[in-house]
C-alpha atoms as a PDB file:
ATOM      1  CA  MET A   1     -10.668  31.149  12.114  1.00  0.00           C
ATOM      2  CA  ASP A   2     -11.293  29.463   8.796  1.00  0.00           C
ATOM      3  CA  TYR A   3      -7.807  30.719   7.523  1.00  0.00           C
ATOM      4  CA  PHE A   4      -6.381  30.267  10.893  1.00  0.00           C
ATOM      5  CA  GLY A   5      -6.986  26.720  10.452  1.00  0.00           C
ATOM      6  CA  ARG A   6      -5.646  26.470   6.827  1.00  0.00           C
ATOM      7  CA  ILE A   7      -2.262  28.541   7.533  1.00  0.00           C
ATOM      8  CA  THR A   8      -1.836  26.017  10.962  1.00  0.00           C
ATOM      9  CA  HIS A   9      -2.391  23.016   8.427  1.00  0.00           C
ATOM     10  CA  ALA A  10       1.194  22.640   7.807  1.00  0.00           C
ATOM     11  CA  LEU A  11       2.178  22.304  11.152  1.00  0.00           C
ATOM     12  CA  GLN A  12      -0.189  19.944  12.248  1.00  0.00           C
ATOM     13  CA  ASP A  13       1.212  18.232   8.904  1.00  0.00           C
ATOM     14  CA  PHE A  14       3.841  18.473  10.360  1.00  0.00           C
ATOM     15  CA  TYR A  15       4.390  15.352  13.119  1.00  0.00           C
ATOM     16  CA  SER A  16       3.002  13.332  10.676  1.00  0.00           C
ATOM     17  CA  HIS A  17       5.272  13.524   8.098  1.00  0.00           C
ATOM     18  CA  SER A  18       8.340  14.039  10.023  1.00  0.00           C
ATOM     19  CA  ASN A  19      10.173  11.705  12.072  1.00  0.00           C
ATOM     20  CA  TRP A  20       9.749  14.538  15.130  1.00  0.00           C
ATOM     21  CA  TYR A  21       7.937  12.308  17.226  1.00  0.00           C
ATOM     22  CA  GLU A  22      10.748   9.118  16.550  1.00  0.00           C
ATOM     23  CA  LEU A  23      13.628  12.178  17.486  1.00  0.00           C
ATOM     24  CA  LYS A  24      11.589  12.506  20.630  1.00  0.00           C
ATOM     25  CA  LEU A  25      11.250   8.870  21.812  1.00  0.00           C
ATOM     26  CA  ALA A  26      15.043   8.618  20.951  1.00  0.00           C
ATOM     27  CA  GLY A  27      15.749  11.457  23.476  1.00  0.00           C
ATOM     28  CA  TYR A  28      17.350  13.732  20.867  1.00  0.00           C
ATOM     29  CA  SER A  29      14.610  16.905  22.113  1.00  0.00           C
ATOM     30  CA  ASN A  30      15.962  17.491  25.579  1.00  0.00           C
ATOM     31  CA  GLY A  31      12.180  17.495  26.988  1.00  0.00           C
ATOM     32  CA  GLN A  32      11.198  19.851  24.281  1.00  0.00           C
ATOM     33  CA  ARG A  33       7.590  18.576  23.250  1.00  0.00           C
ATOM     34  CA  LEU A  34       6.693  20.215  19.885  1.00  0.00           C
ATOM     35  CA  LEU A  35       8.834  22.061  17.248  1.00  0.00           C
ATOM     36  CA  ASP A  36       8.802  25.604  18.625  1.00  0.00           C
ATOM     37  CA  GLU A  37       7.239  26.601  21.833  1.00  0.00           C
ATOM     38  CA  SER A  38       8.201  30.194  22.035  1.00  0.00           C
ATOM     39  CA  TYR A  39       5.845  32.991  21.061  1.00  0.00           C
ATOM     40  CA  GLY A  40       7.549  35.787  18.747  1.00  0.00           C
ATOM     41  CA  TYR A  41       7.468  35.312  15.947  1.00  0.00           C
ATOM     42  CA  PHE A  42       7.724  31.610  14.810  1.00  0.00           C
ATOM     43  CA  PRO A  43      11.612  30.808  13.783  1.00  0.00           C
ATOM     44  CA  GLU A  44      13.570  29.676  10.551  1.00  0.00           C
ATOM     45  CA  LEU A  45      14.462  26.257  10.155  1.00  0.00           C
ATOM     46  CA  ALA A  46      17.811  26.523   9.002  1.00  0.00           C
ATOM     47  CA  PRO A  47      20.043  23.978   8.251  1.00  0.00           C
ATOM     48  CA  LEU A  48      22.101  22.268  10.664  1.00  0.00           C
ATOM     49  CA  GLN A  49      20.803  25.045  13.181  1.00  0.00           C
ATOM     50  CA  ALA A  50      19.651  23.602  17.074  1.00  0.00           C
ATOM     51  CA  ILE A  51      15.931  23.713  17.126  1.00  0.00           C
ATOM     52  CA  GLY A  52      15.103  24.745  20.358  1.00  0.00           C
ATOM     53  CA  LYS A  53      16.721  23.421  22.924  1.00  0.00           C
ATOM     54  CA  THR A  54      16.769  20.291  21.450  1.00  0.00           C
ATOM     55  CA  LYS A  55      19.902  18.160  19.954  1.00  0.00           C
ATOM     56  CA  ILE A  56      18.214  18.256  16.898  1.00  0.00           C
ATOM     57  CA  VAL A  57      18.902  19.949  13.443  1.00  0.00           C
ATOM     58  CA  SER A  58      17.175  19.653  10.177  1.00  0.00           C
ATOM     59  CA  LEU A  59      18.537  18.368   7.404  1.00  0.00           C
ATOM     60  CA  GLU A  60      17.785  19.383   3.712  1.00  0.00           C
ATOM     61  CA  SER A  61      20.174  19.115   0.613  1.00  0.00           C
ATOM     62  CA  GLY A  62      21.532  22.436  -0.257  1.00  0.00           C
ATOM     63  CA  PHE A  63      24.031  23.878   2.727  1.00  0.00           C
ATOM     64  CA  LYS A  64      28.010  24.321   1.852  1.00  0.00           C
ATOM     65  CA  ASP A  65      29.460  22.754   5.238  1.00  0.00           C
ATOM     66  CA  PRO A  66      27.998  20.388   7.645  1.00  0.00           C
ATOM     67  CA  ILE A  67      29.228  22.804  10.697  1.00  0.00           C
ATOM     68  CA  THR A  68      26.598  21.896  14.009  1.00  0.00           C
ATOM     69  CA  GLN A  69      27.178  23.993  16.907  1.00  0.00           C
ATOM     70  CA  TRP A  70      28.159  20.459  18.650  1.00  0.00           C
ATOM     71  CA  GLY A  71      30.997  20.363  16.136  1.00  0.00           C
ATOM     72  CA  ARG A  72      31.175  18.801  12.082  1.00  0.00           C
ATOM     73  CA  VAL A  73      29.393  15.917  10.532  1.00  0.00           C
ATOM     74  CA  ASP A  74      30.132  14.251   7.988  1.00  0.00           C
ATOM     75  CA  GLY A  75      27.880  11.701   7.217  1.00  0.00           C
ATOM     76  CA  TRP A  76      24.346  10.580   9.003  1.00  0.00           C
ATOM     77  CA  GLU A  77      22.712   7.439   9.662  1.00  0.00           C
ATOM     78  CA  VAL A  78      18.860   5.606   9.861  1.00  0.00           C
ATOM     79  CA  ASP A  79      17.998   3.090  11.834  1.00  0.00           C
ATOM     80  CA  SER A  80      15.838   1.352   9.338  1.00  0.00           C
ATOM     81  CA  LEU A  81      13.680   0.130  12.689  1.00  0.00           C
ATOM     82  CA  SER A  82      12.924   3.538  14.678  1.00  0.00           C
ATOM     83  CA  TYR A  83      13.775   5.723  12.059  1.00  0.00           C
ATOM     84  CA  VAL A  84      15.868   7.740  13.663  1.00  0.00           C
ATOM     85  CA  VAL A  85      18.024   9.593  12.078  1.00  0.00           C
ATOM     86  CA  SER A  86      21.391  10.618  13.691  1.00  0.00           C
ATOM     87  CA  ALA A  87      25.323  11.576  13.143  1.00  0.00           C
ATOM     88  CA  ALA A  88      28.491  11.468  15.400  1.00  0.00           C
ATOM     89  CA  THR A  89      30.007  15.116  15.638  1.00  0.00           C
ATOM     90  CA  SER A  90      33.776  15.737  15.640  1.00  0.00           C
ATOM     91  CA  GLN A  91      33.292  16.788  19.074  1.00  0.00           C
ATOM     92  CA  GLY A  92      31.445  13.561  20.204  1.00  0.00           C
ATOM     93  CA  GLN A  93      28.019  14.510  20.544  1.00  0.00           C
ATOM     94  CA  ARG A  94      25.133  12.179  19.055  1.00  0.00           C
ATOM     95  CA  ILE A  95      22.678  15.183  17.317  1.00  0.00           C
ATOM     96  CA  GLY A  96      19.440  13.958  15.653  1.00  0.00           C
ATOM     97  CA  GLY A  97      18.548  14.862  11.914  1.00  0.00           C
ATOM     98  CA  LEU A  98      14.938  15.988  11.723  1.00  0.00           C
ATOM     99  CA  MET A  99      13.343  14.680   7.932  1.00  0.00           C
ATOM    100  CA  THR A 100       9.954  15.618   6.380  1.00  0.00           C
ATOM    101  CA  GLY A 101       8.829  13.757   3.791  1.00  0.00           C
ATOM    102  CA  GLU A 102       8.709  15.656   0.413  1.00  0.00           C
ATOM    103  CA  VAL A 103       6.235  16.303  -2.021  1.00  0.00           C
ATOM    104  CA  ASN A 104       7.166  17.303  -5.124  1.00  0.00           C
ATOM    105  CA  GLY A 105       5.269  16.283  -8.555  1.00  0.00           C
ATOM    106  CA  PHE A 106       4.237  13.118 -10.000  1.00  0.00           C
ATOM    107  CA  LEU A 107       5.360  11.093  -7.303  1.00  0.00           C
ATOM    108  CA  TYR A 108       6.222  12.480  -3.452  1.00  0.00           C
ATOM    109  CA  GLY A 109       9.957  13.108  -3.356  1.00  0.00           C
ATOM    110  CA  ALA A 110      12.295  14.376  -5.383  1.00  0.00           C
ATOM    111  CA  GLY A 111      15.434  13.164  -3.857  1.00  0.00           C
ATOM    112  CA  LYS A 112      16.166  16.800  -2.572  1.00  0.00           C
ATOM    113  CA  SER A 113      17.152  15.567   1.072  1.00  0.00           C
ATOM    114  CA  ILE A 114      20.322  14.569   2.218  1.00  0.00           C
ATOM    115  CA  PRO A 115      21.404  10.874   1.362  1.00  0.00           C
ATOM    116  CA  ILE A 116      21.419   8.695   4.932  1.00  0.00           C
ATOM    117  CA  THR A 117      22.824   5.465   4.827  1.00  0.00           C
ATOM    118  CA  ASP A 118      21.524   2.456   6.988  1.00  0.00           C
ATOM    119  CA  PRO A 119      24.938   1.533   8.905  1.00  0.00           C
ATOM    120  CA  VAL A 120      24.200  -1.935   8.929  1.00  0.00           C
ATOM    121  CA  THR A 121      23.474  -2.518   5.495  1.00  0.00           C
ATOM    122  CA  LYS A 122      25.829   0.429   4.312  1.00  0.00           C
ATOM    123  CA  ILE A 123      22.864   1.379   1.581  1.00  0.00           C
ATOM    124  CA  THR A 124      23.001   4.918   1.318  1.00  0.00           C
ATOM    125  CA  TYR A 125      19.707   6.153   0.438  1.00  0.00           C
ATOM    126  CA  PRO A 126      18.534   9.397  -0.804  1.00  0.00           C
ATOM    127  CA  GLY A 127      16.051  10.331   2.328  1.00  0.00           C
ATOM    128  CA  PHE A 128      12.754   9.955   3.048  1.00  0.00           C
ATOM    129  CA  ASP A 129       9.332  11.131   0.859  1.00  0.00           C
ATOM    130  CA  HIS A 130       6.088  11.296   1.764  1.00  0.00           C
ATOM    131  CA  GLY A 131       5.024   7.834   2.756  1.00  0.00           C
ATOM    132  CA  GLY A 132       2.294   5.534   0.883  1.00  0.00           C
ATOM    133  CA  LEU A 133       2.728   3.323  -2.411  1.00  0.00           C
ATOM    134  CA  ALA A 134       3.975   6.346  -4.484  1.00  0.00           C
ATOM    135  CA  GLY A 135       6.892   5.872  -2.145  1.00  0.00           C
ATOM    136  CA  THR A 136       6.969   2.203  -3.214  1.00  0.00           C
ATOM    137  CA  ILE A 137       6.947   2.178  -6.616  1.00  0.00           C
ATOM    138  CA  SER A 138      10.084   4.770  -7.121  1.00  0.00           C
ATOM    139  CA  GLY A 139      12.320   2.214  -4.962  1.00  0.00           C
ATOM    140  CA  LYS A 140      13.497   5.334  -2.688  1.00  0.00           C
ATOM    141  CA  TYR A 141      14.108   4.341   0.743  1.00  0.00           C
ATOM    142  CA  LEU A 142      10.760   4.328   2.795  1.00  0.00           C
ATOM    143  CA  GLY A 143      10.065   4.124   6.212  1.00  0.00           C
ATOM    144  CA  PRO A 144       6.414   4.807   8.063  1.00  0.00           C
ATOM    145  CA  LEU A 145       6.980   8.922   8.223  1.00  0.00           C
ATOM    146  CA  ALA A 146       3.035   9.190   7.347  1.00  0.00           C
ATOM    147  CA  LYS A 147       0.987   8.930  10.247  1.00  0.00           C
ATOM    148  CA  ASP A 148      -2.460  10.042   8.414  1.00  0.00           C
ATOM    149  CA  ALA A 149      -4.143   6.949   9.280  1.00  0.00           C
ATOM    150  CA  ILE A 150      -5.513   5.273  12.438  1.00  0.00           C
ATOM    151  CA  THR A 151      -3.931   2.366  11.882  1.00  0.00           C
ATOM    152  CA  ASP A 152      -0.493   4.187  11.587  1.00  0.00           C
ATOM    153  CA  ARG A 153       2.329   3.627  14.196  1.00  0.00           C
ATOM    154  CA  TYR A 154       1.896   6.433  16.384  1.00  0.00           C
ATOM    155  CA  HIS A 155      -0.956   8.346  15.046  1.00  0.00           C
ATOM    156  CA  GLN A 156      -2.626   9.648  17.814  1.00  0.00           C
ATOM    157  CA  ASN A 157       0.558  10.323  19.683  1.00  0.00           C
ATOM    158  CA  VAL A 158       1.400  12.901  16.497  1.00  0.00           C
ATOM    159  CA  LEU A 159      -2.180  13.942  16.600  1.00  0.00           C
ATOM    160  CA  GLU A 160      -2.192  14.840  20.293  1.00  0.00           C
ATOM    161  CA  LEU A 161       1.371  17.018  19.449  1.00  0.00           C
ATOM    162  CA  ALA A 162      -0.271  18.575  16.546  1.00  0.00           C
ATOM    163  CA  ARG A 163      -3.464  19.601  18.316  1.00  0.00           C
ATOM    164  CA  ASP A 164      -1.443  21.145  20.807  1.00  0.00           C
ATOM    165  CA  GLN A 165       0.732  23.263  18.691  1.00  0.00           C
ATOM    166  CA  VAL A 166      -2.511  25.081  17.302  1.00  0.00           C
ATOM    167  CA  GLN A 167      -3.815  25.697  20.635  1.00  0.00           C
ATOM    168  CA  HIS A 168       0.209  27.361  20.828  1.00  0.00           C
ATOM    169  CA  GLU A 169       0.054  29.116  17.747  1.00  0.00           C
ATOM    170  CA  PHE A 170      -3.559  30.425  18.784  1.00  0.00           C
ATOM    171  CA  VAL A 171      -1.940  31.598  21.953  1.00  0.00           C
ATOM    172  CA  ARG A 172       0.921  33.126  20.031  1.00  0.00           C
ATOM    173  CA  MET A 173      -1.362  35.062  17.318  1.00  0.00           C
ATOM    174  CA  VAL A 174      -2.692  36.770  20.543  1.00  0.00           C
ATOM    175  CA  CYS A 175       0.644  37.631  21.759  1.00  0.00           C
ATOM    176  CA  LEU A 176       1.875  39.441  18.555  1.00  0.00           C
ATOM    177  CA  ILE A 177      -1.372  41.383  18.685  1.00  0.00           C
ATOM    178  CA  ASN A 178      -0.927  42.636  22.133  1.00  0.00           C
ATOM    179  CA  ASP A 179       2.572  43.323  21.566  1.00  0.00           C
ATOM    180  CA  LYS A 180       1.259  45.397  18.395  1.00  0.00           C
ATOM    181  CA  TYR A 181      -1.459  47.079  19.167  1.00  0.00           C
ATOM    182  CA  GLY A 182      -2.068  46.373  22.887  1.00  0.00           C
ATOM    183  CA  GLU A 183      -5.316  46.054  25.067  1.00  0.00           C
ATOM    184  CA  GLN A 184      -7.232  48.206  22.196  1.00  0.00           C
ATOM    185  CA  GLY A 185      -5.867  45.280  19.461  1.00  0.00           C
ATOM    186  CA  LEU A 186      -7.058  42.079  22.142  1.00  0.00           C
ATOM    187  CA  LYS A 187     -10.318  44.032  22.500  1.00  0.00           C
ATOM    188  CA  GLN A 188     -11.068  43.717  18.694  1.00  0.00           C
ATOM    189  CA  PHE A 189      -9.572  40.619  18.478  1.00  0.00           C
ATOM    190  CA  SER A 190     -12.029  39.839  21.150  1.00  0.00           C
ATOM    191  CA  ASP A 191     -14.983  40.976  18.976  1.00  0.00           C
ATOM    192  CA  LEU A 192     -14.168  39.864  15.585  1.00  0.00           C
ATOM    193  CA  PHE A 193     -13.264  35.911  17.268  1.00  0.00           C
ATOM    194  CA  ILE A 194     -14.040  35.091  20.749  1.00  0.00           C
ATOM    195  CA  ARG A 195     -17.683  33.488  22.019  1.00  0.00           C
ATOM    196  CA  SER A 196     -19.378  36.048  23.541  1.00  0.00           C
ATOM    197  CA  ASP A 197     -20.258  34.110  26.733  1.00  0.00           C
ATOM    198  CA  GLN A 198     -16.360  34.181  27.064  1.00  0.00           C
ATOM    199  CA  GLN A 199     -15.725  37.503  26.261  1.00  0.00           C
ATOM    200  CA  ALA A 200     -15.415  39.394  29.835  1.00  0.00           C
ATOM    201  CA  GLU A 201     -13.068  36.132  31.180  1.00  0.00           C
ATOM    202  CA  PHE A 202     -10.588  36.994  27.494  1.00  0.00           C
ATOM    203  CA  ALA A 203     -11.064  40.902  28.674  1.00  0.00           C
ATOM    204  CA  LEU A 204     -10.026  40.150  32.422  1.00  0.00           C
ATOM    205  CA  LEU A 205      -6.698  38.080  31.076  1.00  0.00           C
ATOM    206  CA  ALA A 206      -6.007  40.748  28.644  1.00  0.00           C
ATOM    207  CA  GLN A 207      -6.433  43.619  32.200  1.00  0.00           C
ATOM    208  CA  LYS A 208      -4.153  41.221  33.660  1.00  0.00           C
ATOM    209  CA  GLY A 209      -1.099  41.133  31.045  1.00  0.00           C
ATOM    210  CA  ALA A 210      -1.906  37.352  30.741  1.00  0.00           C
ATOM    211  CA  PHE A 211      -0.732  37.865  27.019  1.00  0.00           C
ATOM    212  CA  SER A 212       2.874  39.638  27.439  1.00  0.00           C
ATOM    213  CA  LYS A 213       5.812  38.279  26.272  1.00  0.00           C
ATOM    214  CA  ASP A 214       6.891  37.573  29.687  1.00  0.00           C
ATOM    215  CA  THR A 215       4.075  36.539  31.261  1.00  0.00           C
ATOM    216  CA  LEU A 216       3.459  33.711  28.798  1.00  0.00           C
ATOM    217  CA  ALA A 217       7.344  32.511  29.315  1.00  0.00           C
ATOM    218  CA  LEU A 218       6.990  32.247  32.675  1.00  0.00           C
ATOM    219  CA  ALA A 219       3.680  30.385  32.149  1.00  0.00           C
ATOM    220  CA  GLN A 220       5.655  28.126  29.652  1.00  0.00           C
ATOM    221  CA  SER A 221       6.181  24.804  31.752  1.00  0.00           C
ATOM    222  CA  LEU A 222       2.319  24.590  32.257  1.00  0.00           C
ATOM    223  CA  ASN A 223       2.464  24.804  28.578  1.00  0.00           C
ATOM    224  CA  THR A 224       4.292  21.970  26.977  1.00  0.00           C
ATOM    225  CA  LEU A 225       3.087  19.370  29.748  1.00  0.00           C
ATOM    226  CA  THR A 226       3.456  15.586  28.816  1.00  0.00           C
ATOM    227  CA  ASP A 227       1.495  13.614  26.213  1.00  0.00           C
ATOM    228  CA  ASN A 228      -2.695  14.195  26.684  1.00  0.00           C
ATOM    229  CA  GLU A 229      -1.764  16.903  28.971  1.00  0.00           C
ATOM    230  CA  GLY A 230      -0.846  19.704  26.440  1.00  0.00           C
ATOM    231  CA  ASN A 231      -3.200  22.073  26.442  1.00  0.00           C
ATOM    232  CA  ASP A 232      -1.881  25.379  26.616  1.00  0.00           C
ATOM    233  CA  GLN A 233      -3.186  26.544  30.206  1.00  0.00           C
ATOM    234  CA  VAL A 234      -2.739  30.564  30.138  1.00  0.00           C
ATOM    235  CA  ILE A 235      -6.209  30.583  28.141  1.00  0.00           C
ATOM    236  CA  ASP A 236      -7.196  27.142  28.843  1.00  0.00           C
ATOM    237  CA  SER A 237     -10.940  26.991  29.071  1.00  0.00           C
ATOM    238  CA  PHE A 238     -10.666  28.333  24.918  1.00  0.00           C
ATOM    239  CA  PHE A 239      -9.464  24.982  24.450  1.00  0.00           C
ATOM    240  CA  ALA A 240     -12.372  23.375  25.782  1.00  0.00           C
ATOM    241  CA  ASP A 241     -14.085  21.686  22.509  1.00  0.00           C
ATOM    242  CA  TRP A 242     -10.320  21.461  20.638  1.00  0.00           C
ATOM    243  CA  ASP A 243      -9.617  17.816  21.801  1.00  0.00           C
ATOM    244  CA  PRO A 244     -10.441  15.292  19.211  1.00  0.00           C
ATOM    245  CA  ASP A 245     -12.271  13.320  21.358  1.00  0.00           C
ATOM    246  CA  VAL A 246     -14.058  11.592  17.955  1.00  0.00           C
ATOM    247  CA  VAL A 247     -11.930   9.013  15.930  1.00  0.00           C
ATOM    248  CA  PRO A 248     -10.804  10.513  13.223  1.00  0.00           C
ATOM    249  CA  VAL A 249     -11.049  10.236   9.626  1.00  0.00           C
ATOM    250  CA  PRO A 250      -7.676   8.678   7.914  1.00  0.00           C
ATOM    251  CA  GLU A 251      -6.293  11.106   5.669  1.00  0.00           C
ATOM    252  CA  THR A 252      -5.802   9.218   2.390  1.00  0.00           C
ATOM    253  CA  HIS A 253      -3.890  10.524  -0.877  1.00  0.00           C
ATOM    254  CA  ALA A 254      -4.473  10.096  -4.053  1.00  0.00           C
ATOM    255  CA  LEU A 255      -3.020   8.300  -6.372  1.00  0.00           C
ATOM    256  CA  PRO A 256      -1.774   9.441 -10.299  1.00  0.00           C
ATOM    257  CA  ASP A 257      -3.812   8.526 -12.719  1.00  0.00           C
ATOM    258  CA  ALA A 258      -1.084   6.310 -14.288  1.00  0.00           C
ATOM    259  CA  ILE A 259      -0.263   3.976 -11.179  1.00  0.00           C
ATOM    260  CA  VAL A 260      -4.008   3.590 -10.626  1.00  0.00           C
ATOM    261  CA  PRO A 261      -4.234  -0.001 -12.451  1.00  0.00           C
ATOM    262  CA  TYR A 262      -1.602  -1.203 -10.966  1.00  0.00           C
ATOM    263  CA  ALA A 263      -1.440  -0.163  -7.309  1.00  0.00           C
ATOM    264  CA  ALA A 264      -2.538  -3.822  -6.577  1.00  0.00           C
ATOM    265  CA  GLN A 265       1.049  -5.603  -7.905  1.00  0.00           C
ATOM    266  CA  ILE A 266       2.830  -2.900  -6.620  1.00  0.00           C
ATOM    267  CA  ASN A 267       1.628  -3.437  -2.977  1.00  0.00           C
ATOM    268  CA  ALA A 268       1.805  -6.867  -2.974  1.00  0.00           C
ATOM    269  CA  GLY A 269       5.615  -6.317  -4.524  1.00  0.00           C
ATOM    270  CA  GLN A 270       4.997  -8.215  -8.036  1.00  0.00           C
ATOM    271  CA  PHE A 271       7.118  -5.554  -9.244  1.00  0.00           C
ATOM    272  CA  ARG A 272      10.504  -5.096 -11.063  1.00  0.00           C
ATOM    273  CA  TRP A 273      11.837  -2.407 -12.850  1.00  0.00           C
ATOM    274  CA  THR A 274      13.343  -3.726 -16.628  1.00  0.00           C
ATOM    275  CA  SER A 275      16.245  -1.763 -18.171  1.00  0.00           C
ATOM    276  CA  MET A 276      15.838  -0.885 -21.816  1.00  0.00           C
ATOM    277  CA  ALA A 277      18.060   1.996 -24.131  1.00  0.00           C
ATOM    278  CA  SER A 278      15.675   4.924 -24.396  1.00  0.00           C
ATOM    279  CA  VAL A 279      15.119   6.885 -27.648  1.00  0.00           C
ATOM    280  CA  ARG A 280      12.656   9.128 -25.883  1.00  0.00           C
ATOM    281  CA  VAL A 281      15.178  10.073 -23.041  1.00  0.00           C
ATOM    282  CA  GLN A 282      17.983  10.139 -25.922  1.00  0.00           C
ATOM    283  CA  ARG A 283      15.425  12.756 -27.987  1.00  0.00           C
ATOM    284  CA  LYS A 284      15.181  14.577 -24.681  1.00  0.00           C
ATOM    285  CA  LEU A 285      18.511  14.789 -23.521  1.00  0.00           C
ATOM    286  CA  SER A 286      19.745  15.799 -26.573  1.00  0.00           C
ATOM    287  CA  GLN A 287      18.018  18.978 -25.658  1.00  0.00           C
ATOM    288  CA  THR A 288      20.086  19.743 -22.786  1.00  0.00           C
ATOM    289  CA  PRO A 289      23.266  22.066 -23.580  1.00  0.00           C
ATOM    290  CA  GLY A 290      26.067  19.569 -22.349  1.00  0.00           C
ATOM    291  CA  PHE A 291      24.311  16.035 -23.246  1.00  0.00           C
ATOM    292  CA  VAL A 292      26.719  13.585 -25.038  1.00  0.00           C
ATOM    293  CA  GLY A 293      25.806   9.898 -25.461  1.00  0.00           C
ATOM    294  CA  SER A 294      22.989   7.721 -24.494  1.00  0.00           C
ATOM    295  CA  GLN A 295      21.212   7.111 -21.714  1.00  0.00           C
ATOM    296  CA  ILE A 296      19.572   3.781 -19.758  1.00  0.00           C
ATOM    297  CA  GLU A 297      15.757   3.558 -19.149  1.00  0.00           C
ATOM    298  CA  HIS A 298      13.776   1.979 -16.506  1.00  0.00           C
ATOM    299  CA  ARG A 299      10.367   0.618 -17.256  1.00  0.00           C
ATOM    300  CA  LEU A 300       8.035  -0.870 -14.630  1.00  0.00           C
ATOM    301  CA  GLN A 301       6.776  -4.153 -15.305  1.00  0.00           C
ATOM    302  CA  VAL A 302       4.121  -6.619 -13.236  1.00  0.00           C
ATOM    303  CA  LEU A 303       3.222  -9.530 -12.463  1.00  0.00           C
ATOM    304  CA  ASP A 304      -0.293 -10.636 -13.764  1.00  0.00           C
ATOM    305  CA  GLY A 305      -1.027 -13.991 -13.732  1.00  0.00           C
ATOM    306  CA  GLY A 306       2.884 -15.196 -13.601  1.00  0.00           C
ATOM    307  CA  VAL A 307       3.956 -13.164 -16.600  1.00  0.00           C
ATOM    308  CA  TRP A 308       5.887  -9.856 -16.854  1.00  0.00           C
ATOM    309  CA  ILE A 309       3.555  -7.446 -18.200  1.00  0.00           C
ATOM    310  CA  ASN A 310       5.120  -3.871 -19.923  1.00  0.00           C
ATOM    311  CA  THR A 311       3.464  -0.868 -18.250  1.00  0.00           C
ATOM    312  CA  ASN A 312       3.587   2.657 -19.747  1.00  0.00           C
ATOM    313  CA  LEU A 313       5.600   3.826 -16.672  1.00  0.00           C
ATOM    314  CA  PHE A 314       9.524   4.759 -17.197  1.00  0.00           C
ATOM    315  CA  LEU A 315      11.788   6.185 -14.139  1.00  0.00           C
ATOM    316  CA  SER A 316      12.169   9.262 -15.960  1.00  0.00           C
ATOM    317  CA  ASP A 317       8.636  10.067 -15.513  1.00  0.00           C
ATOM    318  CA  PHE A 318       9.104  10.512 -11.882  1.00  0.00           C
ATOM    319  CA  ASN A 319      12.607  12.436 -12.041  1.00  0.00           C
ATOM    320  CA  LEU A 320      13.906   9.639 -10.264  1.00  0.00           C
ATOM    321  CA  GLN A 321      17.224   7.925 -11.037  1.00  0.00           C
ATOM    322  CA  ARG A 322      17.597   4.462 -10.286  1.00  0.00           C
END
């Protein structure tokens, strides 16, 4: 069960570091509450493909032709207040764009998301990052996608979704075991992972065929109720202790050591990037095939006692462009 918790970490984190909940509030989920509510193998989230019964597609860089089942999309917009990403299609539909916070290297995010435009300011951004101080210093577009802390907007809502998705994954796992190994497989699973005082109940469910895909699909409406009522009803009693009734401890992200000395000024907005000719960057790029000419570097400065102080941090350290 320890490994089960580890492999479902990505799904738990998904709700805290994506705009899924915001898209759901905006009505793009068509009543689908969880990222996936099926009982077979978890489907691939392919770019621009509809997610379940929603009007939401996943966004990432690299796809060649922006065609969805609702028509062609020529550009994506972000609402700077709600952090809903959406687009108008060639068929006159409005669809939602799912984005998660990237995590890559020194800073969270490396600009690999699809560009999105604020329709009010007309500014185009490279996408969301993981959230937090690293996003602020990078100069990238930063919305409150990170909902780890108790004080974050929608924290409790996404905590419930994460809990319910993990419960659903437990049922999915049992269903897959039943599908491949039958009743004997369920018996072995019960001996290993089900509490002794509940093994008789589990065996009774198995004998009634409660873990077949057909039975689970019929019960699906019971498994995707509104917030606070999303326990998987198929084996509801097994989740009696899973609800997070205690106040969770906020998750924090460790800052890169190089940023720590300037954290106070950055959080206060007392920083800026200054342009300078970069011998270091020229030397680095000169080793790259096809490199011609020089490049301007940007150094981070922080305000200290009314004086701008040079730091030893440069945009090229973060693999970012101003």
